[in-house]
């Protein structure tokens, strides 16, 4: 079991840890040292046991706050997942029917033919009127 030297509040400590966990121990010691630094800046030199206790309590308070935030975020995620699941399982909305007026091609052709016949009849009628007017006049 490796022995690791850490420094907290300007004091050195020899601490044993599991093989491979030295990095985590140094990270935890750094957090505790930062809290101890805040205490010594505010209060000055205090007994080692009291400094460690207070720094530990300050860290525990931060951890409790983070746990509350984590729980709240987990609740929000659970709500969103439930909402997403509900939307996935909901029946699809009925398609909205939109009618667009379309004139079939055959009707257009028939109308064009009728228009052409009407013009031809109009031309004949005009031609007949002219011929009749010229003969009568």
N, C-alpha and C. Protein backbone atom coordinates (compact mmCIF):
# COMPACT_ATOMS: atom_id res chain seq x y z
N UNK A 1 0.86 -1.16 0.00
CA UNK A 1 0.00 0.00 0.00
C UNK A 1 0.91 1.23 0.00
N UNK A 2 0.78 2.08 -1.04
CA UNK A 2 1.67 3.24 -1.14
C UNK A 2 1.36 4.30 -0.09
N UNK A 3 2.41 4.96 0.34
CA UNK A 3 2.31 6.10 1.26
C UNK A 3 2.46 7.36 0.41
N UNK A 4 1.54 8.28 0.60
CA UNK A 4 1.56 9.53 -0.17
C UNK A 4 1.65 10.68 0.80
N UNK A 5 2.51 11.65 0.47
CA UNK A 5 2.62 12.84 1.31
C UNK A 5 1.73 13.91 0.70
N UNK A 6 0.83 14.45 1.52
CA UNK A 6 -0.06 15.52 1.09
C UNK A 6 0.13 16.71 2.00
N UNK A 7 -0.25 17.88 1.53
CA UNK A 7 -0.14 19.09 2.34
C UNK A 7 -1.50 19.74 2.44
N UNK A 8 -1.92 20.01 3.67
CA UNK A 8 -3.20 20.66 3.93
C UNK A 8 -2.97 21.76 4.95
N UNK A 9 -3.33 22.96 4.56
CA UNK A 9 -3.19 24.09 5.47
C UNK A 9 -1.75 24.35 5.90
N UNK A 10 -0.81 24.10 5.01
CA UNK A 10 0.59 24.34 5.32
C UNK A 10 1.22 23.23 6.16
N UNK A 11 0.49 22.16 6.42
CA UNK A 11 1.02 21.04 7.21
C UNK A 11 1.08 19.80 6.33
N UNK A 12 2.14 19.02 6.50
CA UNK A 12 2.32 17.80 5.70
C UNK A 12 1.79 16.59 6.45
N UNK A 13 1.24 15.66 5.69
CA UNK A 13 0.70 14.42 6.25
C UNK A 13 1.11 13.25 5.37
N UNK A 14 1.43 12.14 6.01
CA UNK A 14 1.69 10.88 5.29
C UNK A 14 0.41 10.06 5.34
N UNK A 15 -0.10 9.70 4.15
CA UNK A 15 -1.37 8.99 4.08
C UNK A 15 -1.19 7.76 3.19
N UNK A 16 -1.74 6.64 3.62
CA UNK A 16 -1.70 5.42 2.81
C UNK A 16 -2.96 5.36 1.95
N UNK A 17 -2.80 4.78 0.76
CA UNK A 17 -3.95 4.61 -0.13
C UNK A 17 -3.77 3.34 -0.94
N UNK A 18 -4.80 2.94 -1.64
CA UNK A 18 -4.73 1.77 -2.50
C UNK A 18 -3.84 2.05 -3.71
N UNK A 19 -3.24 1.01 -4.23
CA UNK A 19 -2.39 1.12 -5.42
C UNK A 19 -3.22 1.71 -6.57
N UNK A 20 -2.69 2.73 -7.23
CA UNK A 20 -3.37 3.35 -8.36
C UNK A 20 -4.33 4.47 -7.99
N UNK A 21 -4.53 4.70 -6.70
CA UNK A 21 -5.47 5.75 -6.28
C UNK A 21 -4.76 7.01 -5.80
N UNK A 22 -3.47 7.07 -6.03
CA UNK A 22 -2.71 8.24 -5.59
C UNK A 22 -3.25 9.54 -6.20
N UNK A 23 -3.60 9.49 -7.47
CA UNK A 23 -4.10 10.68 -8.14
C UNK A 23 -5.36 11.21 -7.44
N UNK A 24 -6.28 10.31 -7.10
CA UNK A 24 -7.52 10.72 -6.43
C UNK A 24 -7.23 11.30 -5.05
N UNK A 25 -6.27 10.71 -4.36
CA UNK A 25 -5.90 11.21 -3.03
C UNK A 25 -5.33 12.63 -3.14
N UNK A 26 -4.48 12.85 -4.13
CA UNK A 26 -3.92 14.19 -4.32
C UNK A 26 -5.02 15.19 -4.67
N UNK A 27 -5.98 14.79 -5.49
CA UNK A 27 -7.09 15.69 -5.86
C UNK A 27 -7.94 16.02 -4.64
N UNK A 28 -8.24 15.02 -3.81
CA UNK A 28 -9.03 15.26 -2.60
C UNK A 28 -8.26 16.14 -1.62
N UNK A 29 -6.97 15.88 -1.48
CA UNK A 29 -6.14 16.68 -0.58
C UNK A 29 -6.09 18.14 -1.05
N UNK A 30 -6.05 18.34 -2.36
CA UNK A 30 -6.03 19.69 -2.90
C UNK A 30 -7.32 20.44 -2.53
N UNK A 31 -8.47 19.75 -2.66
CA UNK A 31 -9.75 20.37 -2.30
C UNK A 31 -9.77 20.72 -0.82
N UNK A 32 -9.31 19.81 0.02
CA UNK A 32 -9.28 20.05 1.47
C UNK A 32 -8.32 21.18 1.80
N UNK A 33 -7.19 21.23 1.11
CA UNK A 33 -6.20 22.29 1.32
C UNK A 33 -6.78 23.66 0.95
N UNK A 34 -7.57 23.71 -0.13
CA UNK A 34 -8.20 24.98 -0.52
C UNK A 34 -9.15 25.48 0.56
N UNK A 35 -9.94 24.57 1.14
CA UNK A 35 -10.84 24.95 2.22
C UNK A 35 -10.07 25.37 3.46
N UNK A 36 -8.99 24.66 3.75
CA UNK A 36 -8.15 25.02 4.90
C UNK A 36 -7.53 26.39 4.68
N UNK A 37 -7.17 26.69 3.44
CA UNK A 37 -6.61 28.01 3.12
C UNK A 37 -7.60 29.12 3.38
N UNK A 38 -8.87 28.87 3.06
CA UNK A 38 -9.92 29.86 3.34
C UNK A 38 -10.02 30.08 4.85
N UNK A 39 -9.99 28.98 5.61
CA UNK A 39 -10.10 29.10 7.08
C UNK A 39 -8.92 29.87 7.67
N UNK A 40 -7.72 29.52 7.26
CA UNK A 40 -6.55 30.20 7.83
C UNK A 40 -6.52 31.67 7.43
N UNK A 41 -7.05 31.99 6.25
CA UNK A 41 -7.10 33.39 5.82
C UNK A 41 -8.11 34.16 6.67
N UNK A 42 -9.19 33.51 7.06
CA UNK A 42 -10.23 34.18 7.85
C UNK A 42 -9.88 34.21 9.34
N UNK A 43 -9.41 33.09 9.86
CA UNK A 43 -9.23 32.94 11.31
C UNK A 43 -7.78 33.09 11.74
N UNK A 44 -6.88 32.69 10.90
CA UNK A 44 -5.46 32.65 11.28
C UNK A 44 -5.08 31.23 11.63
N UNK A 45 -4.03 31.08 12.37
CA UNK A 45 -3.55 29.73 12.74
C UNK A 45 -4.49 29.11 13.75
N UNK A 46 -4.98 27.90 13.42
CA UNK A 46 -5.86 27.17 14.33
C UNK A 46 -5.30 25.76 14.50
N UNK A 47 -5.68 25.09 15.57
CA UNK A 47 -5.17 23.73 15.79
C UNK A 47 -5.50 22.82 14.60
N UNK A 48 -4.58 21.91 14.34
CA UNK A 48 -4.68 21.01 13.20
C UNK A 48 -6.01 20.26 13.15
N UNK A 49 -6.41 19.67 14.25
CA UNK A 49 -7.65 18.89 14.27
C UNK A 49 -8.85 19.77 13.94
N UNK A 50 -8.86 20.97 14.51
CA UNK A 50 -9.99 21.89 14.25
C UNK A 50 -9.99 22.34 12.80
N UNK A 51 -8.81 22.63 12.26
CA UNK A 51 -8.70 23.05 10.86
C UNK A 51 -9.23 21.95 9.93
N UNK A 52 -8.80 20.70 10.18
CA UNK A 52 -9.24 19.59 9.35
C UNK A 52 -10.75 19.36 9.48
N UNK A 53 -11.25 19.47 10.70
CA UNK A 53 -12.68 19.30 10.93
C UNK A 53 -13.47 20.37 10.18
N UNK A 54 -13.09 21.62 10.34
CA UNK A 54 -13.81 22.72 9.69
C UNK A 54 -13.72 22.62 8.17
N UNK A 55 -12.54 22.32 7.66
CA UNK A 55 -12.37 22.21 6.21
C UNK A 55 -13.21 21.04 5.68
N UNK A 56 -13.22 19.93 6.42
CA UNK A 56 -14.04 18.79 6.02
C UNK A 56 -15.52 19.12 6.02
N UNK A 57 -15.96 19.87 7.03
CA UNK A 57 -17.36 20.28 7.09
C UNK A 57 -17.72 21.22 5.93
N UNK A 58 -16.81 22.10 5.59
CA UNK A 58 -17.06 23.01 4.48
C UNK A 58 -17.19 22.22 3.17
N UNK A 59 -16.32 21.24 3.00
CA UNK A 59 -16.41 20.39 1.80
C UNK A 59 -17.70 19.57 1.80
N UNK A 60 -18.07 19.05 2.97
CA UNK A 60 -19.30 18.26 3.08
C UNK A 60 -20.51 19.13 2.73
N UNK A 61 -20.49 20.40 3.15
CA UNK A 61 -21.57 21.32 2.83
C UNK A 61 -21.66 21.53 1.32
N UNK A 62 -20.52 21.72 0.67
CA UNK A 62 -20.50 21.88 -0.79
C UNK A 62 -21.00 20.61 -1.46
N UNK A 63 -20.56 19.46 -0.96
CA UNK A 63 -20.99 18.18 -1.55
C UNK A 63 -22.50 18.00 -1.40
N UNK A 64 -23.05 18.37 -0.24
CA UNK A 64 -24.50 18.25 -0.02
C UNK A 64 -25.26 19.15 -0.98
N UNK A 65 -24.76 20.35 -1.20
CA UNK A 65 -25.38 21.27 -2.16
C UNK A 65 -25.34 20.70 -3.57
N UNK A 66 -24.23 20.10 -3.92
CA UNK A 66 -24.11 19.50 -5.25
C UNK A 66 -25.04 18.30 -5.39
N UNK A 67 -25.20 17.53 -4.31
CA UNK A 67 -26.12 16.39 -4.36
C UNK A 67 -27.55 16.87 -4.57
N UNK A 68 -27.91 17.96 -3.91
CA UNK A 68 -29.26 18.52 -4.10
C UNK A 68 -29.46 18.95 -5.55
N UNK A 69 -28.47 19.63 -6.10
CA UNK A 69 -28.56 20.06 -7.50
C UNK A 69 -28.62 18.86 -8.43
N UNK A 70 -27.83 17.84 -8.12
CA UNK A 70 -27.82 16.62 -8.94
C UNK A 70 -29.19 15.95 -8.91
N UNK A 71 -29.78 15.85 -7.71
CA UNK A 71 -31.11 15.24 -7.59
C UNK A 71 -32.14 16.04 -8.40
N UNK A 72 -32.06 17.35 -8.31
CA UNK A 72 -33.00 18.20 -9.05
C UNK A 72 -32.82 18.00 -10.56
N UNK A 73 -31.58 17.92 -11.01
CA UNK A 73 -31.32 17.70 -12.44
C UNK A 73 -31.76 16.30 -12.86
N UNK A 74 -31.56 15.31 -12.01
CA UNK A 74 -32.02 13.96 -12.33
C UNK A 74 -33.54 13.93 -12.45
N UNK A 75 -34.23 14.67 -11.57
CA UNK A 75 -35.68 14.75 -11.64
C UNK A 75 -36.12 15.40 -12.95
N UNK A 76 -35.43 16.47 -13.33
CA UNK A 76 -35.76 17.15 -14.59
C UNK A 76 -35.54 16.22 -15.78
N UNK A 77 -34.43 15.50 -15.75
CA UNK A 77 -34.14 14.57 -16.85
C UNK A 77 -35.21 13.48 -16.91
N UNK A 78 -35.60 12.97 -15.74
CA UNK A 78 -36.64 11.93 -15.70
C UNK A 78 -37.95 12.47 -16.27
N UNK A 79 -38.30 13.71 -15.92
CA UNK A 79 -39.52 14.32 -16.46
C UNK A 79 -39.45 14.44 -17.97
N UNK A 80 -38.31 14.90 -18.46
CA UNK A 80 -38.15 15.07 -19.91
C UNK A 80 -38.16 13.73 -20.62
N UNK A 81 -37.56 12.70 -20.02
CA UNK A 81 -37.58 11.38 -20.63
C UNK A 81 -39.00 10.83 -20.66
N UNK A 82 -39.77 11.06 -19.60
CA UNK A 82 -41.16 10.60 -19.58
C UNK A 82 -41.97 11.34 -20.64
N UNK A 83 -41.74 12.63 -20.76
CA UNK A 83 -42.44 13.43 -21.77
C UNK A 83 -42.08 12.95 -23.17
N UNK A 84 -40.81 12.67 -23.38
CA UNK A 84 -40.34 12.18 -24.67
C UNK A 84 -40.97 10.82 -24.98
N UNK A 85 -41.00 9.95 -24.00
CA UNK A 85 -41.60 8.63 -24.18
C UNK A 85 -43.09 8.76 -24.50
N UNK A 86 -43.76 9.67 -23.82
CA UNK A 86 -45.19 9.90 -24.06
C UNK A 86 -45.40 10.38 -25.50
N UNK A 87 -44.54 11.27 -25.95
CA UNK A 87 -44.66 11.77 -27.33
C UNK A 87 -44.37 10.67 -28.35
N UNK A 88 -43.42 9.82 -28.03
CA UNK A 88 -43.10 8.71 -28.94
C UNK A 88 -44.25 7.72 -29.04
N UNK A 89 -44.95 7.50 -27.93
CA UNK A 89 -46.02 6.52 -27.90
C UNK A 89 -47.39 7.10 -28.28
N UNK A 90 -47.47 8.39 -28.42
CA UNK A 90 -48.75 9.03 -28.75
C UNK A 90 -49.13 8.66 -30.19
N UNK A 91 -50.44 8.52 -30.44
CA UNK A 91 -50.84 8.22 -31.82
C UNK A 91 -50.49 9.40 -32.72
N UNK A 92 -50.18 9.06 -33.92
CA UNK A 92 -49.83 10.11 -34.88
C UNK A 92 -51.08 10.95 -35.17
N UNK A 93 -50.91 12.23 -35.34
CA UNK A 93 -52.08 13.07 -35.64
C UNK A 93 -52.66 12.71 -37.01
N UNK A 94 -53.97 12.86 -37.12
CA UNK A 94 -54.62 12.60 -38.40
C UNK A 94 -54.07 13.58 -39.43
N UNK A 95 -53.78 13.08 -40.61
CA UNK A 95 -53.27 14.02 -41.62
C UNK A 95 -54.36 15.01 -41.99
N UNK A 96 -53.97 16.22 -42.16
CA UNK A 96 -54.91 17.28 -42.52
C UNK A 96 -55.14 17.22 -44.02
N UNK A 97 -56.41 17.15 -44.39
CA UNK A 97 -56.73 17.05 -45.81
C UNK A 97 -56.78 18.46 -46.39
N UNK A 98 -56.02 18.66 -47.43
CA UNK A 98 -55.98 19.95 -48.10
C UNK A 98 -56.39 19.70 -49.54
N UNK A 99 -57.46 20.36 -49.97
CA UNK A 99 -57.92 20.19 -51.34
C UNK A 99 -57.44 21.37 -52.17
N UNK A 100 -56.80 21.03 -53.26
CA UNK A 100 -56.30 22.04 -54.18
C UNK A 100 -57.08 21.89 -55.48
N UNK A 101 -57.73 22.94 -55.93
CA UNK A 101 -58.50 22.80 -57.18
C UNK A 101 -57.56 22.57 -58.35
N UNK A 102 -57.82 21.48 -59.04
CA UNK A 102 -57.01 21.14 -60.21
C UNK A 102 -57.98 20.86 -61.34
N UNK A 103 -57.75 21.48 -62.44
CA UNK A 103 -58.58 21.24 -63.61
C UNK A 103 -57.91 20.10 -64.38
N UNK A 104 -58.63 19.00 -64.57
CA UNK A 104 -58.04 17.88 -65.30
C UNK A 104 -57.67 18.29 -66.72
N UNK A 105 -56.65 17.66 -67.24
CA UNK A 105 -56.12 18.03 -68.55
C UNK A 105 -57.18 17.87 -69.64
N UNK A 106 -58.00 16.84 -69.55
CA UNK A 106 -59.04 16.62 -70.56
C UNK A 106 -60.04 17.75 -70.60
N UNK A 107 -60.37 18.32 -69.42
CA UNK A 107 -61.32 19.43 -69.35
C UNK A 107 -60.71 20.66 -70.00
N UNK A 108 -59.45 20.89 -69.77
CA UNK A 108 -58.78 22.05 -70.39
C UNK A 108 -58.80 21.92 -71.91
N UNK A 109 -58.53 20.71 -72.40
CA UNK A 109 -58.54 20.49 -73.85
C UNK A 109 -59.95 20.71 -74.41
N UNK A 110 -60.95 20.21 -73.69
CA UNK A 110 -62.34 20.36 -74.15
C UNK A 110 -62.73 21.83 -74.16
N UNK A 111 -62.35 22.58 -73.11
CA UNK A 111 -62.66 24.01 -73.07
C UNK A 111 -61.96 24.76 -74.19
N UNK A 112 -60.73 24.38 -74.48
CA UNK A 112 -59.99 25.03 -75.58
C UNK A 112 -60.69 24.75 -76.91
N UNK A 113 -61.19 23.53 -77.09
CA UNK A 113 -61.89 23.17 -78.33
C UNK A 113 -63.20 23.94 -78.44
N UNK A 114 -63.95 24.03 -77.34
CA UNK A 114 -65.21 24.78 -77.33
C UNK A 114 -64.94 26.25 -77.65
N UNK A 115 -63.88 26.82 -77.08
CA UNK A 115 -63.54 28.22 -77.35
C UNK A 115 -63.19 28.40 -78.82
N UNK A 116 -62.48 27.44 -79.39
CA UNK A 116 -62.12 27.54 -80.82
C UNK A 116 -63.37 27.47 -81.69
N UNK A 117 -64.30 26.58 -81.34
CA UNK A 117 -65.55 26.48 -82.11
C UNK A 117 -66.36 27.76 -81.97
N UNK A 118 -66.39 28.32 -80.74
CA UNK A 118 -67.15 29.55 -80.54
C UNK A 118 -66.56 30.68 -81.38
N UNK A 119 -65.23 30.75 -81.44
CA UNK A 119 -64.59 31.78 -82.27
C UNK A 119 -64.90 31.55 -83.75
N UNK A 120 -64.89 30.27 -84.16
CA UNK A 120 -65.20 29.97 -85.57
C UNK A 120 -66.63 30.37 -85.89
N UNK A 121 -67.56 30.05 -84.99
CA UNK A 121 -68.95 30.44 -85.19
C UNK A 121 -69.10 31.96 -85.22
N UNK A 122 -68.37 32.63 -84.33
CA UNK A 122 -68.42 34.10 -84.30
C UNK A 122 -67.89 34.65 -85.61
N UNK A 123 -66.80 34.06 -86.13
CA UNK A 123 -66.23 34.52 -87.40
C UNK A 123 -67.24 34.30 -88.53
N UNK A 124 -67.93 33.14 -88.51
CA UNK A 124 -68.92 32.84 -89.55
C UNK A 124 -70.08 33.82 -89.45
N UNK A 125 -70.50 34.08 -88.21
CA UNK A 125 -71.62 35.00 -88.02
C UNK A 125 -71.24 36.39 -88.50
N UNK A 126 -70.02 36.82 -88.22
CA UNK A 126 -69.57 38.15 -88.68
C UNK A 126 -69.47 38.17 -90.19
N UNK A 127 -68.98 37.08 -90.74
CA UNK A 127 -68.86 36.99 -92.20
C UNK A 127 -70.22 36.98 -92.85
N UNK A 128 -71.19 36.30 -92.24
CA UNK A 128 -72.55 36.24 -92.76
C UNK A 128 -73.22 37.59 -92.67
N UNK A 129 -72.98 38.31 -91.57
CA UNK A 129 -73.57 39.64 -91.40
C UNK A 129 -73.02 40.60 -92.45
N UNK A 130 -71.74 40.48 -92.72
CA UNK A 130 -71.11 41.37 -93.71
C UNK A 130 -71.65 41.07 -95.08
N UNK A 131 -71.79 39.76 -95.35
CA UNK A 131 -72.30 39.40 -96.67
C UNK A 131 -73.74 39.84 -96.80
N UNK A 132 -74.54 39.65 -95.73
CA UNK A 132 -75.94 40.05 -95.76
C UNK A 132 -76.08 41.55 -95.84
N UNK A 133 -75.21 42.28 -95.16
CA UNK A 133 -75.29 43.72 -95.16
C UNK A 133 -74.93 44.27 -96.53
N UNK A 134 -73.95 43.65 -97.18
CA UNK A 134 -73.52 44.13 -98.48
C UNK A 134 -74.59 43.85 -99.54
N UNK A 135 -75.32 42.71 -99.42
CA UNK A 135 -76.33 42.36 -100.42
C UNK A 135 -77.59 43.21 -100.22
N UNK A 136 -77.90 43.54 -99.01
CA UNK A 136 -79.11 44.30 -98.73
C UNK A 136 -78.95 45.77 -98.94
N UNK A 137 -77.72 46.30 -99.00
CA UNK A 137 -77.50 47.68 -98.92
C UNK A 137 -77.33 48.44 -100.09
